[in-house]
């Protein structure tokens, strides 16, 4: 299963990573790599919770 991670640099210098297919999955980081890593971990958590509750991932 693959999801797109979109990244954007904020005006304050932080990076924002978001997974559009999973509402609410977004994370900030000092670097783009840090933000993407946090968003990936959050996405995995959301998918695991959906599976655990019998929802479609």
N, C-alpha and C. Protein backbone atom coordinates (compact mmCIF):
# COMPACT_ATOMS: atom_id res chain seq x y z
N UNK A 1 0.85 -1.16 0.00
CA UNK A 1 0.00 0.00 0.00
C UNK A 1 0.90 1.24 0.00
N UNK A 2 0.66 2.12 -0.94
CA UNK A 2 1.48 3.33 -1.04
C UNK A 2 0.58 4.56 -0.91
N UNK A 3 1.10 5.56 -0.22
CA UNK A 3 0.40 6.83 -0.08
C UNK A 3 1.35 7.96 -0.44
N UNK A 4 0.81 8.98 -1.03
CA UNK A 4 1.57 10.17 -1.38
C UNK A 4 1.77 11.02 -0.14
N UNK A 5 3.00 11.48 0.07
CA UNK A 5 3.30 12.42 1.16
C UNK A 5 3.68 13.74 0.50
N UNK A 6 2.87 14.77 0.76
CA UNK A 6 3.15 16.09 0.21
C UNK A 6 3.91 16.90 1.26
N UNK A 7 4.92 17.63 0.82
CA UNK A 7 5.69 18.46 1.76
C UNK A 7 5.66 19.91 1.31
N UNK A 8 5.76 20.78 2.30
CA UNK A 8 5.73 22.21 2.03
C UNK A 8 6.52 22.93 3.13
N UNK A 9 7.29 23.91 2.74
CA UNK A 9 8.04 24.69 3.71
C UNK A 9 7.21 25.89 4.14
N UNK A 10 7.00 26.02 5.44
CA UNK A 10 6.22 27.12 6.00
C UNK A 10 7.07 28.39 6.05
N UNK A 11 6.40 29.51 6.22
CA UNK A 11 7.12 30.80 6.27
C UNK A 11 8.07 30.89 7.46
N UNK A 12 7.77 30.17 8.53
CA UNK A 12 8.62 30.21 9.72
C UNK A 12 9.80 29.24 9.63
N UNK A 13 9.93 28.54 8.48
CA UNK A 13 11.07 27.65 8.27
C UNK A 13 10.79 26.18 8.55
N UNK A 14 9.68 25.90 9.22
CA UNK A 14 9.34 24.50 9.50
C UNK A 14 8.83 23.84 8.22
N UNK A 15 8.95 22.52 8.19
CA UNK A 15 8.42 21.74 7.07
C UNK A 15 7.15 21.04 7.52
N UNK A 16 6.17 21.00 6.64
CA UNK A 16 4.91 20.32 6.89
C UNK A 16 4.78 19.18 5.90
N UNK A 17 4.52 17.98 6.41
CA UNK A 17 4.28 16.81 5.56
C UNK A 17 2.86 16.35 5.82
N UNK A 18 2.15 16.01 4.73
CA UNK A 18 0.75 15.62 4.84
C UNK A 18 0.46 14.44 3.92
N UNK A 19 -0.41 13.55 4.37
CA UNK A 19 -0.87 12.42 3.56
C UNK A 19 -2.33 12.72 3.21
N UNK A 20 -2.58 13.25 2.01
CA UNK A 20 -3.94 13.67 1.65
C UNK A 20 -4.99 12.55 1.71
N UNK A 21 -4.60 11.30 1.43
CA UNK A 21 -5.56 10.19 1.45
C UNK A 21 -6.01 9.82 2.86
N UNK A 22 -5.28 10.30 3.87
CA UNK A 22 -5.61 10.00 5.26
C UNK A 22 -5.85 11.33 6.00
N UNK A 23 -7.10 11.76 6.06
CA UNK A 23 -7.41 13.05 6.70
C UNK A 23 -6.82 13.17 8.10
N UNK A 24 -6.20 14.29 8.37
CA UNK A 24 -5.62 14.54 9.68
C UNK A 24 -4.20 14.06 9.85
N UNK A 25 -3.66 13.36 8.85
CA UNK A 25 -2.28 12.88 8.95
C UNK A 25 -1.36 13.95 8.40
N UNK A 26 -0.83 14.74 9.33
CA UNK A 26 0.13 15.79 8.98
C UNK A 26 1.09 15.97 10.14
N UNK A 27 2.32 16.36 9.81
CA UNK A 27 3.34 16.50 10.84
C UNK A 27 4.34 17.57 10.44
N UNK A 28 4.85 18.26 11.44
CA UNK A 28 5.88 19.28 11.23
C UNK A 28 7.25 18.72 11.59
N UNK A 29 8.29 19.26 10.98
CA UNK A 29 9.65 18.89 11.31
C UNK A 29 10.60 20.02 10.97
N UNK A 30 11.79 19.98 11.57
CA UNK A 30 12.80 21.00 11.28
C UNK A 30 13.37 20.84 9.88
N UNK A 31 13.33 19.60 9.38
CA UNK A 31 13.78 19.32 8.01
C UNK A 31 12.66 18.60 7.27
N UNK A 32 12.76 18.57 5.95
CA UNK A 32 11.73 17.87 5.18
C UNK A 32 11.74 16.38 5.53
N UNK A 33 12.92 15.81 5.71
CA UNK A 33 13.03 14.38 6.04
C UNK A 33 12.39 14.08 7.40
N UNK A 34 12.58 14.96 8.36
CA UNK A 34 11.98 14.76 9.68
C UNK A 34 10.46 14.82 9.60
N UNK A 35 9.94 15.77 8.86
CA UNK A 35 8.49 15.91 8.71
C UNK A 35 7.90 14.69 8.01
N UNK A 36 8.55 14.23 6.94
CA UNK A 36 8.08 13.06 6.20
C UNK A 36 8.10 11.83 7.10
N UNK A 37 9.16 11.65 7.86
CA UNK A 37 9.26 10.49 8.75
C UNK A 37 8.15 10.48 9.78
N UNK A 38 7.86 11.63 10.36
CA UNK A 38 6.79 11.72 11.35
C UNK A 38 5.43 11.44 10.71
N UNK A 39 5.21 11.96 9.52
CA UNK A 39 3.94 11.73 8.82
C UNK A 39 3.79 10.25 8.46
N UNK A 40 4.87 9.60 8.06
CA UNK A 40 4.81 8.17 7.74
C UNK A 40 4.44 7.35 8.97
N UNK A 41 5.05 7.67 10.10
CA UNK A 41 4.73 6.95 11.34
C UNK A 41 3.27 7.15 11.74
N UNK A 42 2.79 8.38 11.61
CA UNK A 42 1.41 8.67 11.94
C UNK A 42 0.46 7.94 10.99
N UNK A 43 0.81 7.89 9.72
CA UNK A 43 -0.02 7.18 8.74
C UNK A 43 -0.10 5.70 9.09
N UNK A 44 1.00 5.10 9.47
CA UNK A 44 1.00 3.69 9.86
C UNK A 44 0.11 3.46 11.08
N UNK A 45 0.16 4.38 12.02
CA UNK A 45 -0.67 4.27 13.22
C UNK A 45 -2.15 4.34 12.85
N UNK A 46 -2.51 5.28 11.98
CA UNK A 46 -3.90 5.44 11.56
C UNK A 46 -4.38 4.18 10.83
N UNK A 47 -3.56 3.66 9.93
CA UNK A 47 -3.93 2.45 9.19
C UNK A 47 -4.09 1.26 10.15
N UNK A 48 -3.19 1.11 11.10
CA UNK A 48 -3.26 0.02 12.07
C UNK A 48 -4.54 0.11 12.90
N UNK A 49 -4.90 1.31 13.32
CA UNK A 49 -6.12 1.50 14.10
C UNK A 49 -7.36 1.17 13.28
N UNK A 50 -7.34 1.54 12.01
CA UNK A 50 -8.48 1.22 11.14
C UNK A 50 -8.63 -0.29 10.99
N UNK A 51 -7.53 -0.98 10.78
CA UNK A 51 -7.57 -2.44 10.64
C UNK A 51 -8.05 -3.07 11.94
N UNK A 52 -7.53 -2.57 13.06
CA UNK A 52 -7.90 -3.10 14.37
C UNK A 52 -9.40 -2.97 14.63
N UNK A 53 -10.01 -1.92 14.12
CA UNK A 53 -11.43 -1.66 14.33
C UNK A 53 -12.30 -2.19 13.18
N UNK A 54 -11.69 -2.97 12.30
CA UNK A 54 -12.45 -3.59 11.22
C UNK A 54 -12.82 -2.66 10.09
N UNK A 55 -12.18 -1.50 10.04
CA UNK A 55 -12.45 -0.54 8.96
C UNK A 55 -11.55 -0.82 7.77
N UNK A 56 -11.91 -0.27 6.65
CA UNK A 56 -11.08 -0.42 5.46
C UNK A 56 -9.86 0.51 5.57
N UNK A 57 -8.68 -0.04 5.33
CA UNK A 57 -7.46 0.76 5.43
C UNK A 57 -7.34 1.57 4.18
